[in-house]
Amino acid sequence: MTDATPERPQYGAYATPEQQALARGTELPPPEVMSPAAVPPIEASKSRRGDRIAAVALLACGFINVVTGIPGWLRLPASLQAAYDQLGVGEFQAVELASALGIAALITQIVLWLGALGITVALIRAGRLSWWVPLTAGVIAVVGTSVLIGIAIMADPGFAASLTTTP
């Protein structure tokens, strides 16, 4: 039959290193301190690589959207007239306002993309999650430009008249 009682610990098994050194009458060696330059770099984890890939892909999509949207924003009145023609609304009359709002929408998109680029790069360098920055900038750009287009359409007296008349 075996004894079920555990073995008693040896002398000093539960003592701290300082207590052990004091009991032996010796000095405790100083702790080893590594300088920050001697610490090996930490490799990016796979999740951070995925974050970087997602952030760069979203920034690339945003860049393509901004660049390909330049002609459309610069000729917003013509684009709205084409939409009016398809809907049979009549003639778009708020041309000056639409031109100014098209330029404002383009500048808004460029500023948002540049801001997203700067913040994303800073977060990636700091090793923090960054995919949400270009996504948030994209959502803000869509909402902002939709509001600007809505203002241009609602300011047109022809559109307002088409809402009140029946065909």
N, C-alpha and C. Protein backbone atom coordinates (compact mmCIF):
# COMPACT_ATOMS: atom_id res chain seq x y z
N MET A 1 0.84 -1.16 0.00
CA MET A 1 0.00 0.00 0.00
C MET A 1 0.90 1.24 0.00
N THR A 2 0.48 2.25 -0.81
CA THR A 2 1.29 3.46 -0.90
C THR A 2 0.78 4.51 0.05
N ASP A 3 1.69 5.36 0.47
CA ASP A 3 1.33 6.43 1.39
C ASP A 3 0.73 7.58 0.57
N ALA A 4 -0.46 8.04 0.88
CA ALA A 4 -1.16 9.09 0.15
C ALA A 4 -0.75 10.49 0.59
N THR A 5 0.05 10.59 1.62
CA THR A 5 0.45 11.92 2.07
C THR A 5 1.55 12.44 1.16
N PRO A 6 1.48 13.72 0.80
CA PRO A 6 2.51 14.26 -0.10
C PRO A 6 3.83 14.41 0.64
N GLU A 7 4.89 14.45 -0.16
CA GLU A 7 6.22 14.64 0.42
C GLU A 7 6.34 16.03 0.99
N ARG A 8 7.07 16.14 2.06
CA ARG A 8 7.29 17.45 2.66
C ARG A 8 8.30 18.21 1.80
N PRO A 9 8.10 19.51 1.68
CA PRO A 9 9.04 20.28 0.86
C PRO A 9 10.41 20.34 1.52
N GLN A 10 11.40 20.45 0.67
CA GLN A 10 12.77 20.58 1.15
C GLN A 10 12.96 21.99 1.70
N TYR A 11 14.02 22.16 2.48
CA TYR A 11 14.31 23.45 3.09
C TYR A 11 14.44 24.51 2.00
N GLY A 12 13.65 25.58 2.12
CA GLY A 12 13.75 26.72 1.21
C GLY A 12 12.94 26.58 -0.05
N ALA A 13 12.15 25.51 -0.18
CA ALA A 13 11.40 25.31 -1.41
C ALA A 13 10.36 26.41 -1.61
N TYR A 14 9.82 26.95 -0.54
CA TYR A 14 8.81 28.00 -0.65
C TYR A 14 9.37 29.38 -0.35
N ALA A 15 10.62 29.49 -0.11
CA ALA A 15 11.22 30.77 0.22
C ALA A 15 11.51 31.56 -1.06
N THR A 16 11.49 32.87 -0.96
CA THR A 16 11.83 33.72 -2.09
C THR A 16 13.35 33.67 -2.28
N PRO A 17 13.84 34.05 -3.42
CA PRO A 17 15.30 34.07 -3.61
C PRO A 17 16.03 34.93 -2.59
N GLU A 18 15.40 36.06 -2.19
CA GLU A 18 16.03 36.92 -1.19
C GLU A 18 16.13 36.21 0.16
N GLN A 19 15.08 35.49 0.56
CA GLN A 19 15.08 34.76 1.83
C GLN A 19 16.10 33.62 1.79
N GLN A 20 16.22 32.95 0.65
CA GLN A 20 17.19 31.87 0.52
C GLN A 20 18.61 32.41 0.65
N ALA A 21 18.89 33.54 -0.02
CA ALA A 21 20.23 34.12 0.06
C ALA A 21 20.53 34.56 1.48
N LEU A 22 19.56 35.12 2.18
CA LEU A 22 19.75 35.54 3.56
C LEU A 22 20.02 34.34 4.46
N ALA A 23 19.32 33.22 4.27
CA ALA A 23 19.50 32.03 5.08
C ALA A 23 20.87 31.40 4.83
N ARG A 24 21.37 31.49 3.59
CA ARG A 24 22.68 30.94 3.27
C ARG A 24 23.80 31.85 3.70
N GLY A 25 23.47 33.12 3.90
CA GLY A 25 24.51 34.07 4.25
C GLY A 25 25.24 34.59 3.04
N THR A 26 24.62 34.49 1.88
CA THR A 26 25.23 34.98 0.64
C THR A 26 24.43 36.17 0.13
N GLU A 27 25.03 36.83 -0.83
CA GLU A 27 24.33 37.96 -1.44
C GLU A 27 23.59 37.49 -2.68
N LEU A 28 22.45 38.11 -2.93
CA LEU A 28 21.66 37.81 -4.12
C LEU A 28 22.27 38.56 -5.30
N PRO A 29 22.53 37.87 -6.41
CA PRO A 29 23.09 38.58 -7.56
C PRO A 29 22.06 39.59 -8.10
N PRO A 30 22.53 40.70 -8.63
CA PRO A 30 21.58 41.70 -9.15
C PRO A 30 20.82 41.12 -10.34
N PRO A 31 19.59 41.56 -10.51
CA PRO A 31 18.81 41.03 -11.63
C PRO A 31 19.39 41.47 -12.97
N GLU A 32 19.24 40.62 -13.96
CA GLU A 32 19.77 40.92 -15.28
C GLU A 32 18.81 41.86 -15.99
N VAL A 33 19.32 43.01 -16.40
CA VAL A 33 18.50 44.01 -17.07
C VAL A 33 18.97 44.11 -18.51
N MET A 34 18.01 44.03 -19.43
CA MET A 34 18.35 44.15 -20.84
C MET A 34 18.03 45.57 -21.30
N SER A 35 18.92 46.14 -22.09
CA SER A 35 18.65 47.46 -22.64
C SER A 35 17.62 47.33 -23.76
N PRO A 36 16.87 48.39 -24.05
CA PRO A 36 15.87 48.29 -25.11
C PRO A 36 16.46 47.92 -26.46
N ALA A 37 17.71 48.31 -26.71
CA ALA A 37 18.34 47.97 -27.99
C ALA A 37 18.65 46.48 -28.07
N ALA A 38 18.86 45.82 -26.93
CA ALA A 38 19.22 44.41 -26.93
C ALA A 38 18.00 43.50 -27.04
N VAL A 39 16.81 44.05 -26.84
CA VAL A 39 15.60 43.23 -26.92
C VAL A 39 15.33 42.92 -28.39
N PRO A 40 15.14 41.65 -28.72
CA PRO A 40 14.89 41.31 -30.11
C PRO A 40 13.54 41.86 -30.57
N PRO A 41 13.43 42.27 -31.84
CA PRO A 41 12.16 42.82 -32.33
C PRO A 41 11.08 41.74 -32.33
N ILE A 42 9.87 42.18 -32.07
CA ILE A 42 8.73 41.27 -32.06
C ILE A 42 8.18 41.21 -33.47
N GLU A 43 8.02 40.02 -33.99
CA GLU A 43 7.46 39.87 -35.32
C GLU A 43 5.97 40.12 -35.26
N ALA A 44 5.45 40.67 -36.35
CA ALA A 44 4.01 40.93 -36.41
C ALA A 44 3.25 39.60 -36.42
N SER A 45 2.23 39.55 -35.61
CA SER A 45 1.44 38.33 -35.58
C SER A 45 0.61 38.24 -36.86
N LYS A 46 0.04 37.06 -37.10
CA LYS A 46 -0.75 36.87 -38.31
C LYS A 46 -1.98 37.77 -38.31
N SER A 47 -2.54 38.03 -37.13
CA SER A 47 -3.71 38.90 -37.09
C SER A 47 -3.33 40.32 -37.47
N ARG A 48 -2.16 40.78 -37.10
CA ARG A 48 -1.72 42.12 -37.48
C ARG A 48 -1.41 42.18 -38.98
N ARG A 49 -0.92 41.09 -39.53
CA ARG A 49 -0.70 41.06 -40.98
C ARG A 49 -2.02 41.19 -41.70
N GLY A 50 -3.03 40.49 -41.20
CA GLY A 50 -4.37 40.59 -41.79
C GLY A 50 -4.92 42.00 -41.66
N ASP A 51 -4.64 42.63 -40.54
CA ASP A 51 -5.07 44.02 -40.34
C ASP A 51 -4.40 44.93 -41.35
N ARG A 52 -3.11 44.74 -41.54
CA ARG A 52 -2.38 45.56 -42.50
C ARG A 52 -2.90 45.35 -43.91
N ILE A 53 -3.14 44.09 -44.27
CA ILE A 53 -3.65 43.79 -45.61
C ILE A 53 -5.01 44.44 -45.81
N ALA A 54 -5.89 44.32 -44.81
CA ALA A 54 -7.23 44.91 -44.92
C ALA A 54 -7.14 46.43 -45.01
N ALA A 55 -6.27 47.04 -44.20
CA ALA A 55 -6.14 48.50 -44.22
C ALA A 55 -5.62 48.98 -45.57
N VAL A 56 -4.61 48.30 -46.10
CA VAL A 56 -4.04 48.70 -47.39
C VAL A 56 -5.06 48.48 -48.50
N ALA A 57 -5.81 47.39 -48.45
CA ALA A 57 -6.83 47.13 -49.47
C ALA A 57 -7.92 48.19 -49.42
N LEU A 58 -8.36 48.56 -48.22
CA LEU A 58 -9.38 49.60 -48.11
C LEU A 58 -8.85 50.96 -48.58
N LEU A 59 -7.60 51.25 -48.25
CA LEU A 59 -7.01 52.51 -48.74
C LEU A 59 -6.90 52.50 -50.27
N ALA A 60 -6.55 51.36 -50.85
CA ALA A 60 -6.46 51.25 -52.30
C ALA A 60 -7.83 51.45 -52.95
N CYS A 61 -8.86 50.84 -52.37
CA CYS A 61 -10.22 51.02 -52.90
C CYS A 61 -10.62 52.49 -52.81
N GLY A 62 -10.31 53.13 -51.70
CA GLY A 62 -10.63 54.54 -51.55
C GLY A 62 -9.89 55.41 -52.55
N PHE A 63 -8.62 55.09 -52.78
CA PHE A 63 -7.84 55.86 -53.75
C PHE A 63 -8.43 55.72 -55.14
N ILE A 64 -8.78 54.50 -55.53
CA ILE A 64 -9.39 54.27 -56.84
C ILE A 64 -10.71 55.02 -56.95
N ASN A 65 -11.50 55.00 -55.88
CA ASN A 65 -12.78 55.71 -55.88
C ASN A 65 -12.57 57.21 -56.05
N VAL A 66 -11.61 57.77 -55.35
CA VAL A 66 -11.36 59.22 -55.45
C VAL A 66 -10.88 59.58 -56.86
N VAL A 67 -9.93 58.83 -57.38
CA VAL A 67 -9.35 59.16 -58.69
C VAL A 67 -10.37 58.99 -59.81
N THR A 68 -11.13 57.90 -59.79
CA THR A 68 -12.10 57.69 -60.86
C THR A 68 -13.32 58.59 -60.72
N GLY A 69 -13.55 59.15 -59.53
CA GLY A 69 -14.68 60.03 -59.33
C GLY A 69 -14.42 61.48 -59.70
N ILE A 70 -13.17 61.83 -59.97
CA ILE A 70 -12.83 63.22 -60.28
C ILE A 70 -13.64 63.77 -61.45
N PRO A 71 -13.71 63.08 -62.60
CA PRO A 71 -14.48 63.65 -63.71
C PRO A 71 -15.97 63.82 -63.38
N GLY A 72 -16.54 62.87 -62.68
CA GLY A 72 -17.95 62.96 -62.33
C GLY A 72 -18.26 64.11 -61.40
N TRP A 73 -17.38 64.33 -60.42
CA TRP A 73 -17.62 65.43 -59.49
C TRP A 73 -17.41 66.78 -60.16
N LEU A 74 -16.48 66.86 -61.10
CA LEU A 74 -16.24 68.12 -61.79
C LEU A 74 -17.36 68.47 -62.78
N ARG A 75 -18.10 67.48 -63.21
CA ARG A 75 -19.25 67.74 -64.10
C ARG A 75 -20.55 67.22 -63.46
N LEU A 76 -20.73 67.54 -62.22
CA LEU A 76 -21.93 67.11 -61.49
C LEU A 76 -23.22 67.63 -62.11
N PRO A 77 -23.30 68.88 -62.58
CA PRO A 77 -24.55 69.32 -63.21
C PRO A 77 -24.95 68.47 -64.42
N ALA A 78 -23.99 68.09 -65.24
CA ALA A 78 -24.29 67.25 -66.41
C ALA A 78 -24.76 65.87 -65.97
N SER A 79 -24.15 65.34 -64.91
CA SER A 79 -24.58 64.03 -64.40
C SER A 79 -26.00 64.09 -63.85
N LEU A 80 -26.32 65.18 -63.14
CA LEU A 80 -27.68 65.34 -62.61
C LEU A 80 -28.68 65.55 -63.75
N GLN A 81 -28.29 66.25 -64.80
CA GLN A 81 -29.18 66.43 -65.95
C GLN A 81 -29.47 65.09 -66.62
N ALA A 82 -28.44 64.22 -66.71
CA ALA A 82 -28.64 62.89 -67.29
C ALA A 82 -29.64 62.09 -66.44
N ALA A 83 -29.54 62.22 -65.12
CA ALA A 83 -30.49 61.54 -64.24
C ALA A 83 -31.89 62.12 -64.41
N TYR A 84 -31.98 63.42 -64.54
CA TYR A 84 -33.28 64.07 -64.75
C TYR A 84 -33.91 63.60 -66.06
N ASP A 85 -33.09 63.47 -67.10
CA ASP A 85 -33.59 62.99 -68.39
C ASP A 85 -34.15 61.58 -68.28
N GLN A 86 -33.46 60.73 -67.54
CA GLN A 86 -33.93 59.35 -67.38
C GLN A 86 -35.23 59.29 -66.59
N LEU A 87 -35.37 60.18 -65.62
CA LEU A 87 -36.58 60.20 -64.79
C LEU A 87 -37.71 61.01 -65.41
N GLY A 88 -37.41 61.77 -66.44
CA GLY A 88 -38.42 62.61 -67.07
C GLY A 88 -38.83 63.78 -66.20
N VAL A 89 -37.90 64.29 -65.42
CA VAL A 89 -38.20 65.38 -64.49
C VAL A 89 -38.19 66.73 -65.19
N GLY A 90 -37.37 66.91 -66.18
CA GLY A 90 -37.26 68.19 -66.85
C GLY A 90 -35.81 68.62 -66.91
N GLU A 91 -35.60 69.92 -66.82
CA GLU A 91 -34.24 70.45 -66.92
C GLU A 91 -33.71 70.81 -65.54
N PHE A 92 -32.45 70.41 -65.30
CA PHE A 92 -31.80 70.75 -64.04
C PHE A 92 -31.38 72.21 -64.11
N GLN A 93 -31.81 73.01 -63.12
CA GLN A 93 -31.60 74.45 -63.20
C GLN A 93 -30.55 74.99 -62.21
N ALA A 94 -30.21 74.26 -61.17
CA ALA A 94 -29.26 74.76 -60.15
C ALA A 94 -27.83 74.38 -60.53
N VAL A 95 -27.42 74.83 -61.71
CA VAL A 95 -26.13 74.43 -62.28
C VAL A 95 -24.97 74.98 -61.44
N GLU A 96 -25.01 76.25 -61.07
CA GLU A 96 -23.91 76.87 -60.33
C GLU A 96 -23.72 76.20 -58.96
N LEU A 97 -24.84 75.98 -58.28
CA LEU A 97 -24.76 75.33 -56.97
C LEU A 97 -24.21 73.91 -57.09
N ALA A 98 -24.68 73.17 -58.10
CA ALA A 98 -24.21 71.80 -58.29
C ALA A 98 -22.72 71.76 -58.63
N SER A 99 -22.26 72.75 -59.40
CA SER A 99 -20.82 72.81 -59.72
C SER A 99 -20.01 73.02 -58.45
N ALA A 100 -20.45 73.95 -57.61
CA ALA A 100 -19.73 74.22 -56.35
C ALA A 100 -19.79 73.01 -55.42
N LEU A 101 -20.94 72.36 -55.34
CA LEU A 101 -21.07 71.19 -54.45
C LEU A 101 -20.27 70.00 -54.99
N GLY A 102 -20.15 69.88 -56.30
CA GLY A 102 -19.31 68.82 -56.87
C GLY A 102 -17.85 69.00 -56.50
N ILE A 103 -17.38 70.23 -56.58
CA ILE A 103 -16.00 70.52 -56.17
C ILE A 103 -15.83 70.29 -54.67
N ALA A 104 -16.83 70.70 -53.89
CA ALA A 104 -16.77 70.48 -52.43
C ALA A 104 -16.73 68.99 -52.10
N ALA A 105 -17.53 68.19 -52.83
CA ALA A 105 -17.53 66.75 -52.59
C ALA A 105 -16.18 66.13 -52.95
N LEU A 106 -15.59 66.60 -54.03
CA LEU A 106 -14.28 66.09 -54.44
C LEU A 106 -13.21 66.45 -53.40
N ILE A 107 -13.22 67.68 -52.95
CA ILE A 107 -12.24 68.10 -51.93
C ILE A 107 -12.46 67.31 -50.64
N THR A 108 -13.71 67.09 -50.27
CA THR A 108 -14.02 66.31 -49.06
C THR A 108 -13.45 64.90 -49.17
N GLN A 109 -13.66 64.28 -50.32
CA GLN A 109 -13.14 62.92 -50.49
C GLN A 109 -11.61 62.88 -50.45
N ILE A 110 -10.97 63.83 -51.07
CA ILE A 110 -9.50 63.86 -51.08
C ILE A 110 -8.97 64.06 -49.66
N VAL A 111 -9.55 65.01 -48.93
CA VAL A 111 -9.10 65.28 -47.56
C VAL A 111 -9.34 64.07 -46.66
N LEU A 112 -10.50 63.44 -46.79
CA LEU A 112 -10.78 62.24 -45.98
C LEU A 112 -9.80 61.12 -46.31
N TRP A 113 -9.49 60.93 -47.59
CA TRP A 113 -8.57 59.85 -47.95
C TRP A 113 -7.17 60.14 -47.42
N LEU A 114 -6.71 61.38 -47.56
CA LEU A 114 -5.38 61.72 -47.04
C LEU A 114 -5.33 61.58 -45.52
N GLY A 115 -6.39 61.98 -44.84
CA GLY A 115 -6.44 61.82 -43.38
C GLY A 115 -6.43 60.35 -42.99
N ALA A 116 -7.20 59.54 -43.71
CA ALA A 116 -7.23 58.10 -43.43
C ALA A 116 -5.86 57.48 -43.67
N LEU A 117 -5.18 57.91 -44.72
CA LEU A 117 -3.83 57.40 -45.01
C LEU A 117 -2.88 57.73 -43.87
N GLY A 118 -2.87 58.98 -43.43
CA GLY A 118 -1.96 59.39 -42.36
C GLY A 118 -2.22 58.66 -41.05
N ILE A 119 -3.48 58.56 -40.66
CA ILE A 119 -3.82 57.89 -39.40
C ILE A 119 -3.53 56.40 -39.50
N THR A 120 -3.84 55.79 -40.63
CA THR A 120 -3.60 54.35 -40.80
C THR A 120 -2.11 54.04 -40.72
N VAL A 121 -1.29 54.83 -41.38
CA VAL A 121 0.16 54.60 -41.34
C VAL A 121 0.67 54.74 -39.90
N ALA A 122 0.19 55.74 -39.20
CA ALA A 122 0.62 55.94 -37.80
C ALA A 122 0.21 54.75 -36.94
N LEU A 123 -1.00 54.26 -37.12
CA LEU A 123 -1.45 53.11 -36.32
C LEU A 123 -0.69 51.84 -36.67
N ILE A 124 -0.40 51.64 -37.94
CA ILE A 124 0.37 50.45 -38.34
C ILE A 124 1.77 50.51 -37.74
N ARG A 125 2.39 51.68 -37.78
CA ARG A 125 3.73 51.81 -37.19
C ARG A 125 3.71 51.58 -35.69
N ALA A 126 2.60 51.94 -35.04
CA ALA A 126 2.49 51.74 -33.59
C ALA A 126 2.08 50.32 -33.25
N GLY A 127 1.78 49.50 -34.26
CA GLY A 127 1.39 48.11 -34.02
C GLY A 127 -0.05 47.97 -33.53
N ARG A 128 -0.88 48.95 -33.84
CA ARG A 128 -2.28 48.91 -33.38
C ARG A 128 -3.20 48.61 -34.56
N LEU A 129 -4.43 48.21 -34.27
CA LEU A 129 -5.41 47.92 -35.32
C LEU A 129 -5.68 49.17 -36.13
N SER A 130 -5.72 49.01 -37.45
CA SER A 130 -5.87 50.18 -38.29
C SER A 130 -6.92 50.02 -39.39
N TRP A 131 -7.48 48.85 -39.59
CA TRP A 131 -8.41 48.63 -40.70
C TRP A 131 -9.65 49.50 -40.59
N TRP A 132 -10.02 49.86 -39.39
CA TRP A 132 -11.27 50.61 -39.20
C TRP A 132 -11.15 52.05 -39.66
N VAL A 133 -9.94 52.58 -39.77
CA VAL A 133 -9.78 54.00 -40.15
C VAL A 133 -10.22 54.24 -41.60
N PRO A 134 -9.69 53.49 -42.60
CA PRO A 134 -10.16 53.75 -43.96
C PRO A 134 -11.63 53.37 -44.15
N LEU A 135 -12.10 52.39 -43.41
CA LEU A 135 -13.51 52.02 -43.50
C LEU A 135 -14.39 53.16 -42.99
N THR A 136 -14.02 53.73 -41.86
CA THR A 136 -14.77 54.86 -41.30
C THR A 136 -14.71 56.07 -42.22
N ALA A 137 -13.54 56.35 -42.78
CA ALA A 137 -13.41 57.46 -43.71
C ALA A 137 -14.28 57.25 -44.94
N GLY A 138 -14.37 56.01 -45.41
CA GLY A 138 -15.22 55.71 -46.56
C GLY A 138 -16.70 55.93 -46.25
N VAL A 139 -17.12 55.51 -45.06
CA VAL A 139 -18.52 55.72 -44.67
C VAL A 139 -18.82 57.22 -44.56
N ILE A 140 -17.91 57.96 -43.95
CA ILE A 140 -18.11 59.41 -43.82
C ILE A 140 -18.15 60.06 -45.20
N ALA A 141 -17.31 59.61 -46.14
CA ALA A 141 -17.29 60.16 -47.49
C ALA A 141 -18.61 59.88 -48.21
N VAL A 142 -19.12 58.67 -48.08
CA VAL A 142 -20.38 58.34 -48.75
C VAL A 142 -21.53 59.17 -48.18
N VAL A 143 -21.61 59.25 -46.87
CA VAL A 143 -22.68 60.03 -46.25
C VAL A 143 -22.54 61.52 -46.62
N GLY A 144 -21.33 62.04 -46.53
CA GLY A 144 -21.11 63.45 -46.83
C GLY A 144 -21.43 63.81 -48.27
N THR A 145 -20.96 63.00 -49.21
CA THR A 145 -21.24 63.30 -50.62
C THR A 145 -22.71 63.09 -50.95
N SER A 146 -23.36 62.13 -50.30
CA SER A 146 -24.80 61.94 -50.51
C SER A 146 -25.58 63.16 -50.05
N VAL A 147 -25.18 63.73 -48.93
CA VAL A 147 -25.83 64.94 -48.43
C VAL A 147 -25.62 66.09 -49.42
N LEU A 148 -24.40 66.23 -49.94
CA LEU A 148 -24.13 67.30 -50.90
C LEU A 148 -24.94 67.14 -52.18
N ILE A 149 -25.06 65.93 -52.69
CA ILE A 149 -25.87 65.68 -53.88
C ILE A 149 -27.34 65.97 -53.57
N GLY A 150 -27.78 65.55 -52.38
CA GLY A 150 -29.16 65.83 -51.98
C GLY A 150 -29.45 67.32 -51.91
N ILE A 151 -28.49 68.08 -51.41
CA ILE A 151 -28.66 69.54 -51.36
C ILE A 151 -28.79 70.11 -52.77
N ALA A 152 -27.94 69.63 -53.69
CA ALA A 152 -28.00 70.12 -55.07
C ALA A 152 -29.34 69.78 -55.71
N ILE A 153 -29.86 68.61 -55.48
CA ILE A 153 -31.13 68.21 -56.08
C ILE A 153 -32.30 68.97 -55.44
N MET A 154 -32.29 69.09 -54.12
CA MET A 154 -33.40 69.76 -53.45
C MET A 154 -33.41 71.27 -53.71
N ALA A 155 -32.28 71.84 -54.07
CA ALA A 155 -32.23 73.27 -54.38
C ALA A 155 -32.76 73.57 -55.77
N ASP A 156 -32.98 72.56 -56.58
CA ASP A 156 -33.45 72.77 -57.95
C ASP A 156 -34.97 72.95 -57.95
N PRO A 157 -35.44 74.07 -58.45
CA PRO A 157 -36.89 74.28 -58.47
C PRO A 157 -37.62 73.30 -59.38
N GLY A 158 -36.98 72.84 -60.42
CA GLY A 158 -37.60 71.87 -61.32
C GLY A 158 -37.89 70.55 -60.63
N PHE A 159 -37.00 70.12 -59.76
CA PHE A 159 -37.22 68.87 -59.03
C PHE A 159 -38.37 69.01 -58.05
N ALA A 160 -38.42 70.13 -57.35
CA ALA A 160 -39.51 70.36 -56.41
C ALA A 160 -40.84 70.41 -57.15
N ALA A 161 -40.86 71.02 -58.33
CA ALA A 161 -42.10 71.09 -59.11
C ALA A 161 -42.52 69.71 -59.58
N SER A 162 -41.54 68.88 -59.91
CA SER A 162 -41.88 67.52 -60.40
C SER A 162 -42.46 66.66 -59.28
N LEU A 163 -42.15 67.00 -58.04
CA LEU A 163 -42.70 66.23 -56.92
C LEU A 163 -44.16 66.58 -56.66
N THR A 164 -44.53 67.81 -56.98
CA THR A 164 -45.89 68.25 -56.69
C THR A 164 -46.85 67.98 -57.85
N THR A 165 -46.35 67.77 -59.05
CA THR A 165 -47.23 67.53 -60.20
C THR A 165 -47.34 66.04 -60.45
N THR A 166 -48.50 65.66 -60.99
CA THR A 166 -48.71 64.26 -61.35
C THR A 166 -48.60 64.13 -62.85
N PRO A 167 -48.04 63.03 -63.35
CA PRO A 167 -47.87 62.89 -64.80
C PRO A 167 -49.16 62.63 -65.53
